[in-house]
Full PDB file with SEQRES, HELIX, SHEET, SSBOND, CRYST1, ORIGX, SCALE, CONECT and MASTER records, all heavy atoms in Angstrom:
SEQRES   1 A   30  ILE VAL ALA ALA LEU VAL LEU VAL PHE ILE MET VAL VAL          
SEQRES   2 A   30  GLY ASN ILE ALA ILE PRO PHE PHE GLY PHE PHE VAL PHE          
SEQRES   3 A   30  ILE ILE CYS ALA                                              
HELIX    1 AA1 VAL A    2  ALA A   17  1                                  16    
HELIX    2 AA2 GLY A   22  CYS A   29  1                                   8    
CRYST1    1.000    1.000    1.000  90.00  90.00  90.00 P 1           1          
ORIGX1      1.000000  0.000000  0.000000        0.00000                         
ORIGX2      0.000000  1.000000  0.000000        0.00000                         
ORIGX3      0.000000  0.000000  1.000000        0.00000                         
SCALE1      1.000000  0.000000  0.000000        0.00000                         
SCALE2      0.000000  1.000000  0.000000        0.00000                         
SCALE3      0.000000  0.000000  1.000000        0.00000                         
ATOM      1  N   ILE A   1      98.636   9.740  45.482  1.00  0.00           N  
ATOM      2  CA  ILE A   1      99.745  10.750  45.620  1.00  0.00           C  
ATOM      3  C   ILE A   1     101.088  10.015  45.327  1.00  0.00           C  
ATOM      4  O   ILE A   1     101.964  10.580  44.605  1.00  0.00           O  
ATOM      5  CB  ILE A   1      99.766  11.357  46.987  1.00  0.00           C  
ATOM      6  CG1 ILE A   1      98.539  12.303  47.091  1.00  0.00           C  
ATOM      7  CG2 ILE A   1     101.042  12.159  47.214  1.00  0.00           C  
ATOM      8  CD1 ILE A   1      98.333  12.825  48.489  1.00  0.00           C  
ATOM      9  N   VAL A   2     101.306   8.826  45.858  1.00  0.00           N  
ATOM     10  CA  VAL A   2     102.470   8.084  45.572  1.00  0.00           C  
ATOM     11  C   VAL A   2     102.684   7.774  44.144  1.00  0.00           C  
ATOM     12  O   VAL A   2     103.746   7.954  43.567  1.00  0.00           O  
ATOM     13  CB  VAL A   2     102.542   6.874  46.511  1.00  0.00           C  
ATOM     14  CG1 VAL A   2     103.674   5.863  46.082  1.00  0.00           C  
ATOM     15  CG2 VAL A   2     102.755   7.205  47.995  1.00  0.00           C  
ATOM     16  N   ALA A   3     101.468   7.269  43.540  1.00  0.00           N  
ATOM     17  CA  ALA A   3     101.608   6.953  42.088  1.00  0.00           C  
ATOM     18  C   ALA A   3     101.924   8.155  41.263  1.00  0.00           C  
ATOM     19  O   ALA A   3     102.687   8.099  40.305  1.00  0.00           O  
ATOM     20  CB  ALA A   3     100.250   6.330  41.623  1.00  0.00           C  
ATOM     21  N   ALA A   4     101.351   9.337  41.554  1.00  0.00           N  
ATOM     22  CA  ALA A   4     101.579  10.537  40.835  1.00  0.00           C  
ATOM     23  C   ALA A   4     103.075  10.920  41.007  1.00  0.00           C  
ATOM     24  O   ALA A   4     103.801  11.336  40.039  1.00  0.00           O  
ATOM     25  CB  ALA A   4     100.693  11.637  41.329  1.00  0.00           C  
ATOM     26  N   LEU A   5     103.671  10.854  42.284  1.00  0.00           N  
ATOM     27  CA  LEU A   5     105.084  11.131  42.437  1.00  0.00           C  
ATOM     28  C   LEU A   5     105.948  10.193  41.681  1.00  0.00           C  
ATOM     29  O   LEU A   5     106.951  10.682  41.101  1.00  0.00           O  
ATOM     30  CB  LEU A   5     105.347  11.139  43.901  1.00  0.00           C  
ATOM     31  CG  LEU A   5     104.793  12.261  44.822  1.00  0.00           C  
ATOM     32  CD1 LEU A   5     105.072  11.936  46.287  1.00  0.00           C  
ATOM     33  CD2 LEU A   5     105.379  13.573  44.309  1.00  0.00           C  
ATOM     34  N   VAL A   6     105.633   8.935  41.636  1.00  0.00           N  
ATOM     35  CA  VAL A   6     106.392   8.033  40.814  1.00  0.00           C  
ATOM     36  C   VAL A   6     106.376   8.386  39.329  1.00  0.00           C  
ATOM     37  O   VAL A   6     107.402   8.378  38.631  1.00  0.00           O  
ATOM     38  CB  VAL A   6     105.992   6.499  41.080  1.00  0.00           C  
ATOM     39  CG1 VAL A   6     106.496   5.519  40.068  1.00  0.00           C  
ATOM     40  CG2 VAL A   6     106.275   6.080  42.566  1.00  0.00           C  
ATOM     41  N   LEU A   7     105.188   8.727  38.834  1.00  0.00           N  
ATOM     42  CA  LEU A   7     105.080   9.078  37.415  1.00  0.00           C  
ATOM     43  C   LEU A   7     105.829  10.347  37.124  1.00  0.00           C  
ATOM     44  O   LEU A   7     106.510  10.455  36.062  1.00  0.00           O  
ATOM     45  CB  LEU A   7     103.520   9.217  37.028  1.00  0.00           C  
ATOM     46  CG  LEU A   7     102.818   7.955  36.828  1.00  0.00           C  
ATOM     47  CD1 LEU A   7     101.314   8.282  36.648  1.00  0.00           C  
ATOM     48  CD2 LEU A   7     103.392   7.175  35.627  1.00  0.00           C  
ATOM     49  N   VAL A   8     105.789  11.315  38.030  1.00  0.00           N  
ATOM     50  CA  VAL A   8     106.578  12.591  37.806  1.00  0.00           C  
ATOM     51  C   VAL A   8     108.061  12.235  37.825  1.00  0.00           C  
ATOM     52  O   VAL A   8     108.806  12.723  36.957  1.00  0.00           O  
ATOM     53  CB  VAL A   8     106.244  13.629  38.886  1.00  0.00           C  
ATOM     54  CG1 VAL A   8     107.262  14.687  38.791  1.00  0.00           C  
ATOM     55  CG2 VAL A   8     104.803  14.107  38.645  1.00  0.00           C  
ATOM     56  N   PHE A   9     108.504  11.379  38.785  1.00  0.00           N  
ATOM     57  CA  PHE A   9     109.934  11.031  38.768  1.00  0.00           C  
ATOM     58  C   PHE A   9     110.322  10.322  37.426  1.00  0.00           C  
ATOM     59  O   PHE A   9     111.422  10.580  36.904  1.00  0.00           O  
ATOM     60  CB  PHE A   9     110.194  10.009  39.960  1.00  0.00           C  
ATOM     61  CG  PHE A   9     111.552   9.576  40.052  1.00  0.00           C  
ATOM     62  CD1 PHE A   9     112.662  10.410  40.446  1.00  0.00           C  
ATOM     63  CD2 PHE A   9     111.910   8.243  39.659  1.00  0.00           C  
ATOM     64  CE1 PHE A   9     113.888   9.939  40.564  1.00  0.00           C  
ATOM     65  CE2 PHE A   9     113.215   7.814  39.752  1.00  0.00           C  
ATOM     66  CZ  PHE A   9     114.271   8.646  40.185  1.00  0.00           C  
ATOM     67  N   ILE A  10     109.508   9.436  36.997  1.00  0.00           N  
ATOM     68  CA  ILE A  10     109.747   8.746  35.642  1.00  0.00           C  
ATOM     69  C   ILE A  10     109.873   9.698  34.543  1.00  0.00           C  
ATOM     70  O   ILE A  10     110.709   9.684  33.673  1.00  0.00           O  
ATOM     71  CB  ILE A  10     108.749   7.579  35.435  1.00  0.00           C  
ATOM     72  CG1 ILE A  10     108.926   6.460  36.442  1.00  0.00           C  
ATOM     73  CG2 ILE A  10     108.825   7.099  34.027  1.00  0.00           C  
ATOM     74  CD1 ILE A  10     107.838   5.420  36.395  1.00  0.00           C  
ATOM     75  N   MET A  11     109.008  10.683  34.575  1.00  0.00           N  
ATOM     76  CA  MET A  11     108.965  11.669  33.515  1.00  0.00           C  
ATOM     77  C   MET A  11     110.214  12.552  33.585  1.00  0.00           C  
ATOM     78  O   MET A  11     110.856  12.867  32.488  1.00  0.00           O  
ATOM     79  CB  MET A  11     107.804  12.640  33.664  1.00  0.00           C  
ATOM     80  CG  MET A  11     106.479  12.006  33.406  1.00  0.00           C  
ATOM     81  SD  MET A  11     106.185  11.768  31.679  1.00  0.00           S  
ATOM     82  CE  MET A  11     104.486  11.417  31.722  1.00  0.00           C  
ATOM     83  N   VAL A  12     110.676  12.962  34.765  1.00  0.00           N  
ATOM     84  CA  VAL A  12     111.929  13.821  34.891  1.00  0.00           C  
ATOM     85  C   VAL A  12     113.075  12.970  34.490  1.00  0.00           C  
ATOM     86  O   VAL A  12     113.917  13.481  33.696  1.00  0.00           O  
ATOM     87  CB  VAL A  12     112.007  14.312  36.348  1.00  0.00           C  
ATOM     88  CG1 VAL A  12     113.477  14.836  36.579  1.00  0.00           C  
ATOM     89  CG2 VAL A  12     110.915  15.233  36.667  1.00  0.00           C  
ATOM     90  N   VAL A  13     113.154  11.702  34.786  1.00  0.00           N  
ATOM     91  CA  VAL A  13     114.296  10.776  34.428  1.00  0.00           C  
ATOM     92  C   VAL A  13     114.235  10.673  32.870  1.00  0.00           C  
ATOM     93  O   VAL A  13     115.243  10.675  32.208  1.00  0.00           O  
ATOM     94  CB  VAL A  13     114.259   9.465  35.064  1.00  0.00           C  
ATOM     95  CG1 VAL A  13     115.275   8.501  34.491  1.00  0.00           C  
ATOM     96  CG2 VAL A  13     114.608   9.632  36.614  1.00  0.00           C  
ATOM     97  N   GLY A  14     113.052  10.485  32.364  1.00  0.00           N  
ATOM     98  CA  GLY A  14     112.842  10.377  30.862  1.00  0.00           C  
ATOM     99  C   GLY A  14     113.315  11.698  30.151  1.00  0.00           C  
ATOM    100  O   GLY A  14     113.822  11.678  29.071  1.00  0.00           O  
ATOM    101  N   ASN A  15     113.065  12.776  30.823  1.00  0.00           N  
ATOM    102  CA  ASN A  15     113.428  14.108  30.212  1.00  0.00           C  
ATOM    103  C   ASN A  15     115.015  14.204  30.084  1.00  0.00           C  
ATOM    104  O   ASN A  15     115.527  14.747  29.192  1.00  0.00           O  
ATOM    105  CB  ASN A  15     112.930  15.220  31.091  1.00  0.00           C  
ATOM    106  CG  ASN A  15     113.203  16.587  30.472  1.00  0.00           C  
ATOM    107  OD1 ASN A  15     113.201  16.686  29.217  1.00  0.00           O  
ATOM    108  ND2 ASN A  15     113.409  17.548  31.268  1.00  0.00           N  
ATOM    109  N   ILE A  16     115.656  13.613  31.086  1.00  0.00           N  
ATOM    110  CA  ILE A  16     117.152  13.657  31.086  1.00  0.00           C  
ATOM    111  C   ILE A  16     117.683  12.737  29.971  1.00  0.00           C  
ATOM    112  O   ILE A  16     118.605  13.101  29.260  1.00  0.00           O  
ATOM    113  CB  ILE A  16     117.706  13.248  32.516  1.00  0.00           C  
ATOM    114  CG1 ILE A  16     117.345  14.362  33.499  1.00  0.00           C  
ATOM    115  CG2 ILE A  16     119.218  13.015  32.452  1.00  0.00           C  
ATOM    116  CD1 ILE A  16     117.659  13.933  34.932  1.00  0.00           C  
ATOM    117  N   ALA A  17     117.047  11.632  29.790  1.00  0.00           N  
ATOM    118  CA  ALA A  17     117.443  10.621  28.814  1.00  0.00           C  
ATOM    119  C   ALA A  17     117.150  11.029  27.371  1.00  0.00           C  
ATOM    120  O   ALA A  17     117.916  10.694  26.529  1.00  0.00           O  
ATOM    121  CB  ALA A  17     116.843   9.304  29.121  1.00  0.00           C  
ATOM    122  N   ILE A  18     116.037  11.709  27.186  1.00  0.00           N  
ATOM    123  CA  ILE A  18     115.660  12.092  25.860  1.00  0.00           C  
ATOM    124  C   ILE A  18     115.533  13.596  25.770  1.00  0.00           C  
ATOM    125  O   ILE A  18     114.703  14.262  26.444  1.00  0.00           O  
ATOM    126  CB  ILE A  18     114.227  11.535  25.604  1.00  0.00           C  
ATOM    127  CG1 ILE A  18     114.194   9.999  25.709  1.00  0.00           C  
ATOM    128  CG2 ILE A  18     113.806  11.921  24.168  1.00  0.00           C  
ATOM    129  CD1 ILE A  18     112.817   9.390  25.601  1.00  0.00           C  
ATOM    130  N   PRO A  19     116.465  14.208  25.039  1.00  0.00           N  
ATOM    131  CA  PRO A  19     116.433  15.725  24.903  1.00  0.00           C  
ATOM    132  C   PRO A  19     115.128  16.232  24.240  1.00  0.00           C  
ATOM    133  O   PRO A  19     114.547  15.560  23.514  1.00  0.00           O  
ATOM    134  CB  PRO A  19     117.722  15.984  24.128  1.00  0.00           C  
ATOM    135  CG  PRO A  19     118.494  14.727  23.898  1.00  0.00           C  
ATOM    136  CD  PRO A  19     117.504  13.658  24.306  1.00  0.00           C  
ATOM    137  N   PHE A  20     114.863  17.456  24.484  1.00  0.00           N  
ATOM    138  CA  PHE A  20     113.713  18.125  23.914  1.00  0.00           C  
ATOM    139  C   PHE A  20     112.341  17.529  24.291  1.00  0.00           C  
ATOM    140  O   PHE A  20     111.367  17.662  23.616  1.00  0.00           O  
ATOM    141  CB  PHE A  20     113.822  18.181  22.327  1.00  0.00           C  
ATOM    142  CG  PHE A  20     115.055  18.730  21.895  1.00  0.00           C  
ATOM    143  CD1 PHE A  20     116.006  17.938  21.232  1.00  0.00           C  
ATOM    144  CD2 PHE A  20     115.364  20.047  22.041  1.00  0.00           C  
ATOM    145  CE1 PHE A  20     117.220  18.415  20.760  1.00  0.00           C  
ATOM    146  CE2 PHE A  20     116.602  20.579  21.629  1.00  0.00           C  
ATOM    147  CZ  PHE A  20     117.522  19.715  20.949  1.00  0.00           C  
ATOM    148  N   PHE A  21     112.343  16.763  25.425  1.00  0.00           N  
ATOM    149  CA  PHE A  21     111.124  16.093  25.915  1.00  0.00           C  
ATOM    150  C   PHE A  21     110.555  16.993  27.123  1.00  0.00           C  
ATOM    151  O   PHE A  21     109.451  16.693  27.556  1.00  0.00           O  
ATOM    152  CB  PHE A  21     111.527  14.737  26.416  1.00  0.00           C  
ATOM    153  CG  PHE A  21     110.404  13.821  26.675  1.00  0.00           C  
ATOM    154  CD1 PHE A  21     109.423  13.543  25.801  1.00  0.00           C  
ATOM    155  CD2 PHE A  21     110.278  13.246  27.969  1.00  0.00           C  
ATOM    156  CE1 PHE A  21     108.304  12.703  26.098  1.00  0.00           C  
ATOM    157  CE2 PHE A  21     109.214  12.446  28.328  1.00  0.00           C  
ATOM    158  CZ  PHE A  21     108.214  12.146  27.360  1.00  0.00           C  
ATOM    159  N   GLY A  22     111.271  18.039  27.474  1.00  0.00           N  
ATOM    160  CA  GLY A  22     110.829  18.813  28.636  1.00  0.00           C  
ATOM    161  C   GLY A  22     109.556  19.445  28.621  1.00  0.00           C  
ATOM    162  O   GLY A  22     108.790  19.436  29.649  1.00  0.00           O  
ATOM    163  N   PHE A  23     109.193  20.051  27.424  1.00  0.00           N  
ATOM    164  CA  PHE A  23     107.859  20.645  27.340  1.00  0.00           C  
ATOM    165  C   PHE A  23     106.660  19.616  27.546  1.00  0.00           C  
ATOM    166  O   PHE A  23     105.817  19.974  28.261  1.00  0.00           O  
ATOM    167  CB  PHE A  23     107.665  21.373  25.960  1.00  0.00           C  
ATOM    168  CG  PHE A  23     106.368  22.048  25.754  1.00  0.00           C  
ATOM    169  CD1 PHE A  23     106.068  23.200  26.513  1.00  0.00           C  
ATOM    170  CD2 PHE A  23     105.423  21.536  24.972  1.00  0.00           C  
ATOM    171  CE1 PHE A  23     104.827  23.814  26.393  1.00  0.00           C  
ATOM    172  CE2 PHE A  23     104.181  22.092  24.851  1.00  0.00           C  
ATOM    173  CZ  PHE A  23     103.917  23.300  25.505  1.00  0.00           C  
ATOM    174  N   PHE A  24     106.824  18.437  27.008  1.00  0.00           N  
ATOM    175  CA  PHE A  24     105.794  17.439  27.175  1.00  0.00           C  
ATOM    176  C   PHE A  24     105.774  16.994  28.621  1.00  0.00           C  
ATOM    177  O   PHE A  24     104.670  16.791  29.151  1.00  0.00           O  
ATOM    178  CB  PHE A  24     106.096  16.307  26.244  1.00  0.00           C  
ATOM    179  CG  PHE A  24     105.934  16.691  24.746  1.00  0.00           C  
ATOM    180  CD1 PHE A  24     107.049  16.593  23.886  1.00  0.00           C  
ATOM    181  CD2 PHE A  24     104.687  16.968  24.224  1.00  0.00           C  
ATOM    182  CE1 PHE A  24     106.902  16.964  22.614  1.00  0.00           C  
ATOM    183  CE2 PHE A  24     104.572  17.295  22.948  1.00  0.00           C  
ATOM    184  CZ  PHE A  24     105.669  17.323  22.107  1.00  0.00           C  
ATOM    185  N   VAL A  25     106.913  16.854  29.224  1.00  0.00           N  
ATOM    186  CA  VAL A  25     106.925  16.480  30.598  1.00  0.00           C  
ATOM    187  C   VAL A  25     106.234  17.499  31.424  1.00  0.00           C  
ATOM    188  O   VAL A  25     105.371  17.202  32.395  1.00  0.00           O  
ATOM    189  CB  VAL A  25     108.382  16.342  31.178  1.00  0.00           C  
ATOM    190  CG1 VAL A  25     108.488  16.180  32.678  1.00  0.00           C  
ATOM    191  CG2 VAL A  25     109.091  15.166  30.486  1.00  0.00           C  
ATOM    192  N   PHE A  26     106.459  18.799  31.232  1.00  0.00           N  
ATOM    193  CA  PHE A  26     105.788  19.893  31.958  1.00  0.00           C  
ATOM    194  C   PHE A  26     104.253  19.736  31.795  1.00  0.00           C  
ATOM    195  O   PHE A  26     103.513  19.828  32.764  1.00  0.00           O  
ATOM    196  CB  PHE A  26     106.291  21.340  31.504  1.00  0.00           C  
ATOM    197  CG  PHE A  26     105.532  22.330  32.180  1.00  0.00           C  
ATOM    198  CD1 PHE A  26     105.789  22.680  33.521  1.00  0.00           C  
ATOM    199  CD2 PHE A  26     104.563  23.017  31.433  1.00  0.00           C  
ATOM    200  CE1 PHE A  26     105.124  23.749  34.104  1.00  0.00           C  
ATOM    201  CE2 PHE A  26     103.857  24.043  32.038  1.00  0.00           C  
ATOM    202  CZ  PHE A  26     104.130  24.439  33.287  1.00  0.00           C  
ATOM    203  N   ILE A  27     103.780  19.625  30.520  1.00  0.00           N  
ATOM    204  CA  ILE A  27     102.362  19.532  30.270  1.00  0.00           C  
ATOM    205  C   ILE A  27     101.647  18.329  30.912  1.00  0.00           C  
ATOM    206  O   ILE A  27     100.642  18.404  31.590  1.00  0.00           O  
ATOM    207  CB  ILE A  27     102.078  19.510  28.776  1.00  0.00           C  
ATOM    208  CG1 ILE A  27     102.507  20.816  28.053  1.00  0.00           C  
ATOM    209  CG2 ILE A  27     100.622  19.184  28.445  1.00  0.00           C  
ATOM    210  CD1 ILE A  27     101.758  22.035  28.524  1.00  0.00           C  
ATOM    211  N   ILE A  28     102.385  17.181  30.797  1.00  0.00           N  
ATOM    212  CA  ILE A  28     101.932  15.899  31.358  1.00  0.00           C  
ATOM    213  C   ILE A  28     101.860  16.032  32.904  1.00  0.00           C  
ATOM    214  O   ILE A  28     100.859  15.613  33.596  1.00  0.00           O  
ATOM    215  CB  ILE A  28     102.728  14.731  30.913  1.00  0.00           C  
ATOM    216  CG1 ILE A  28     102.440  14.530  29.440  1.00  0.00           C  
ATOM    217  CG2 ILE A  28     102.349  13.517  31.783  1.00  0.00           C  
ATOM    218  CD1 ILE A  28     103.364  13.478  28.794  1.00  0.00           C  
ATOM    219  N   CYS A  29     102.843  16.575  33.555  1.00  0.00           N  
ATOM    220  CA  CYS A  29     102.866  16.751  35.032  1.00  0.00           C  
ATOM    221  C   CYS A  29     101.819  17.737  35.512  1.00  0.00           C  
ATOM    222  O   CYS A  29     101.178  17.477  36.504  1.00  0.00           O  
ATOM    223  CB  CYS A  29     104.300  17.210  35.491  1.00  0.00           C  
ATOM    224  SG  CYS A  29     105.517  16.010  35.358  1.00  0.00           S  
ATOM    225  N   ALA A  30     101.660  18.793  34.817  1.00  0.00           N  
ATOM    226  CA  ALA A  30     100.565  19.805  35.105  1.00  0.00           C  
ATOM    227  C   ALA A  30      99.249  19.068  34.993  1.00  0.00           C  
ATOM    228  O   ALA A  30      98.348  19.226  35.968  1.00  0.00           O  
ATOM    229  CB  ALA A  30     100.541  20.947  34.246  1.00  0.00           C  
TER     230      ALA A  30                                                      
MASTER        0    0    0    2    0    0    0    6  229    1    0    3          
END                                                                             
């Protein structure tokens, strides 16, 4: 659970840094 939360946090931060990355973040998080 902790590892998954860290990965989701990294994805969200990556989404902020790289525009148009949101759809991939959503699919990967799901």
